[in-house]
Amino acid sequence: MRISAFSDVSLRVLMLLSTQTELLTTRELATLVGTPYNHVSKAVLKLRQMGLLLAMRGRSGGVRISAKGLQATVGSVLRILDDHTDVAACEAASGDCPLAHGCGLRGALNQAREAFYASLDNVTISSLAATPPAGPVFVTLHTRQNG
């Protein structure tokens, strides 16, 4: 399965915001997720409409993830964000596929897509991004001795 570019950007925004305590502007988000501003702004708008993000307007405004966004599962988010077009292009140049009447491919592929989403129904947004460790990270360096 492959998710849409829009879903990918949206999930990256949610993952990033799940580790933040402060408000981030859409421009800051675009830089941090490495995606053009207009793509991120569309994703932020949709995620706000879904209740997954909270937005504060004004000079010191920005967005943050909501409690609902932290608890949302990847499967439930993708079901809404992904366009639900058929996985297979069941059309011929002249119109409908000539095999459409006796073909079970479309139904089988739709079941596979739902199985893909179902496999992500136990993965919450908050579990996707690891929070940075608090305090120093100790590293042990090993050197090679010539001998």
Protein backbone atom coordinates (compact mmCIF):
# COMPACT_ATOMS: atom_id res chain seq x y z
CA MET A 1 0.00 0.00 0.00
CA ARG A 2 1.03 3.54 -0.58
CA ILE A 3 -0.38 6.58 1.20
CA SER A 4 -0.94 9.89 -0.54
CA ALA A 5 1.60 12.71 -0.31
CA PHE A 6 -1.02 14.74 1.58
CA SER A 7 -1.41 11.97 4.18
CA ASP A 8 2.36 11.69 4.51
CA VAL A 9 2.74 15.42 5.21
CA SER A 10 -0.19 15.35 7.63
CA LEU A 11 1.26 12.43 9.60
CA ARG A 12 4.68 14.12 9.75
CA VAL A 13 3.06 17.29 11.11
CA LEU A 14 1.19 15.29 13.75
CA MET A 15 4.31 13.35 14.71
CA LEU A 16 6.37 16.50 15.08
CA LEU A 17 3.72 18.31 17.10
CA SER A 18 3.26 15.30 19.38
CA THR A 19 6.73 15.99 20.81
CA GLN A 20 6.35 19.77 21.15
CA THR A 21 5.04 21.71 24.12
CA GLU A 22 5.09 25.13 22.48
CA LEU A 23 3.12 26.56 19.60
CA LEU A 24 4.68 26.32 16.16
CA THR A 25 3.75 28.43 13.15
CA THR A 26 2.89 26.79 9.86
CA ARG A 27 6.09 28.22 8.39
CA GLU A 28 8.15 26.66 11.17
CA LEU A 29 6.37 23.35 10.64
CA ALA A 30 7.09 23.49 6.91
CA THR A 31 10.79 23.95 7.60
CA LEU A 32 10.90 21.23 10.25
CA VAL A 33 9.12 18.60 8.14
CA GLY A 34 10.95 19.60 4.95
CA THR A 35 7.82 20.32 2.92
CA PRO A 36 6.66 23.46 1.07
CA TYR A 37 4.61 25.90 3.12
CA ASN A 38 1.45 25.66 1.02
CA HIS A 39 1.35 21.84 1.40
CA VAL A 40 1.78 22.11 5.17
CA SER A 41 -0.84 24.87 5.46
CA LYS A 42 -3.40 22.67 3.67
CA ALA A 43 -2.55 19.77 5.98
CA VAL A 44 -2.83 21.99 9.07
CA LEU A 45 -6.24 23.26 7.92
CA LYS A 46 -7.57 19.71 7.43
CA LEU A 47 -6.09 18.48 10.73
CA ARG A 48 -7.73 21.44 12.52
CA GLN A 49 -11.07 20.58 10.90
CA MET A 50 -10.65 17.01 12.16
CA GLY A 51 -10.04 18.33 15.71
CA LEU A 52 -6.49 16.95 15.82
CA LEU A 53 -4.81 20.36 16.04
CA LEU A 54 -5.55 23.50 18.04
CA ALA A 55 -4.74 26.87 16.49
CA MET A 56 -4.11 30.18 18.21
CA ARG A 57 -4.31 33.32 16.09
CA GLY A 58 -2.34 36.48 16.50
CA ARG A 59 1.22 37.65 16.78
CA SER A 60 2.34 34.86 19.09
CA GLY A 61 -0.02 32.29 17.60
CA GLY A 62 0.60 28.92 16.10
CA VAL A 63 -0.65 25.36 16.28
CA ARG A 64 -0.28 22.49 18.70
CA ILE A 65 -1.64 18.99 18.78
CA SER A 66 -4.87 18.42 20.68
CA ALA A 67 -5.56 15.63 23.16
CA LYS A 68 -7.70 14.02 20.46
CA GLY A 69 -4.73 14.25 18.08
CA LEU A 70 -2.41 12.49 20.55
CA GLN A 71 -4.91 9.66 21.02
CA ALA A 72 -5.82 9.34 17.32
CA THR A 73 -4.69 6.19 15.58
CA VAL A 74 -2.82 6.19 12.30
CA GLY A 75 -5.49 3.95 10.77
CA SER A 76 -8.33 6.32 11.67
CA VAL A 77 -6.40 9.36 10.39
CA LEU A 78 -5.52 7.68 7.10
CA ARG A 79 -9.10 6.57 6.48
CA ILE A 80 -10.10 10.24 6.48
CA LEU A 81 -7.06 11.75 4.76
CA ASP A 82 -6.43 9.28 1.95
CA ASP A 83 -8.53 9.77 -1.11
CA HIS A 84 -10.71 6.72 -1.42
CA THR A 85 -10.30 6.20 -5.11
CA ASP A 86 -10.02 2.64 -6.29
CA VAL A 87 -6.61 1.06 -5.87
CA ALA A 88 -6.80 -0.24 -9.44
CA ALA A 89 -7.72 1.94 -12.40
CA CYS A 90 -10.62 -0.14 -13.66
CA GLU A 91 -11.14 1.67 -16.92
CA ALA A 92 -10.21 1.14 -20.51
CA ALA A 93 -9.51 3.94 -22.97
CA SER A 94 -13.05 3.57 -24.28
CA GLY A 95 -14.70 3.72 -20.83
CA ASP A 96 -15.42 0.98 -18.31
CA CYS A 97 -13.22 -2.08 -18.10
CA PRO A 98 -14.54 -4.92 -20.25
CA LEU A 99 -13.91 -7.35 -17.37
CA ALA A 100 -15.83 -5.30 -14.78
CA HIS A 101 -18.87 -7.60 -14.75
CA GLY A 102 -17.03 -10.71 -13.60
CA CYS A 103 -13.96 -9.22 -11.94
CA GLY A 104 -13.25 -9.51 -8.23
CA LEU A 105 -10.00 -7.53 -8.31
CA ARG A 106 -11.48 -4.20 -7.24
CA GLY A 107 -13.17 -5.75 -4.20
CA ALA A 108 -10.05 -7.71 -3.23
CA LEU A 109 -7.88 -4.60 -3.44
CA ASN A 110 -10.36 -2.59 -1.37
CA GLN A 111 -10.24 -5.33 1.29
CA ALA A 112 -6.44 -5.16 1.23
CA ARG A 113 -6.55 -1.39 1.75
CA GLU A 114 -8.88 -1.82 4.73
CA ALA A 115 -6.57 -4.52 6.17
CA PHE A 116 -3.69 -2.02 5.81
CA TYR A 117 -5.64 0.63 7.75
CA ALA A 118 -6.76 -1.95 10.34
CA SER A 119 -3.13 -2.92 10.97
CA LEU A 120 -2.53 0.72 11.94
CA ASP A 121 -5.56 1.02 14.22
CA ASN A 122 -3.47 0.16 17.27
CA VAL A 123 -0.74 2.71 16.52
CA THR A 124 -1.40 6.09 18.11
CA ILE A 125 0.12 9.34 16.92
CA SER A 126 1.75 9.83 20.33
CA SER A 127 3.59 6.51 19.98
CA LEU A 128 5.18 7.33 16.63
CA ALA A 129 7.76 9.96 17.51
CA ALA A 130 10.23 9.22 20.24
CA THR A 131 10.72 12.09 22.63
CA PRO A 132 14.29 13.29 22.95
CA PRO A 133 16.05 11.97 26.05
CA ALA A 134 16.23 14.31 29.03
CA GLY A 135 19.74 15.21 30.09
CA PRO A 136 23.05 14.24 28.56
CA VAL A 137 23.53 11.18 26.42
CA PHE A 138 26.67 9.31 27.37
CA VAL A 139 28.80 7.90 24.58
CA THR A 140 31.68 5.49 24.93
CA LEU A 141 34.36 5.77 22.30
CA HIS A 142 36.48 2.78 21.45
CA THR A 143 39.85 3.23 19.85
CA ARG A 144 41.74 0.71 17.83
CA GLN A 145 45.29 0.04 18.82
CA ASN A 146 47.84 -0.71 16.16
CA GLY A 147 49.60 -3.87 16.87
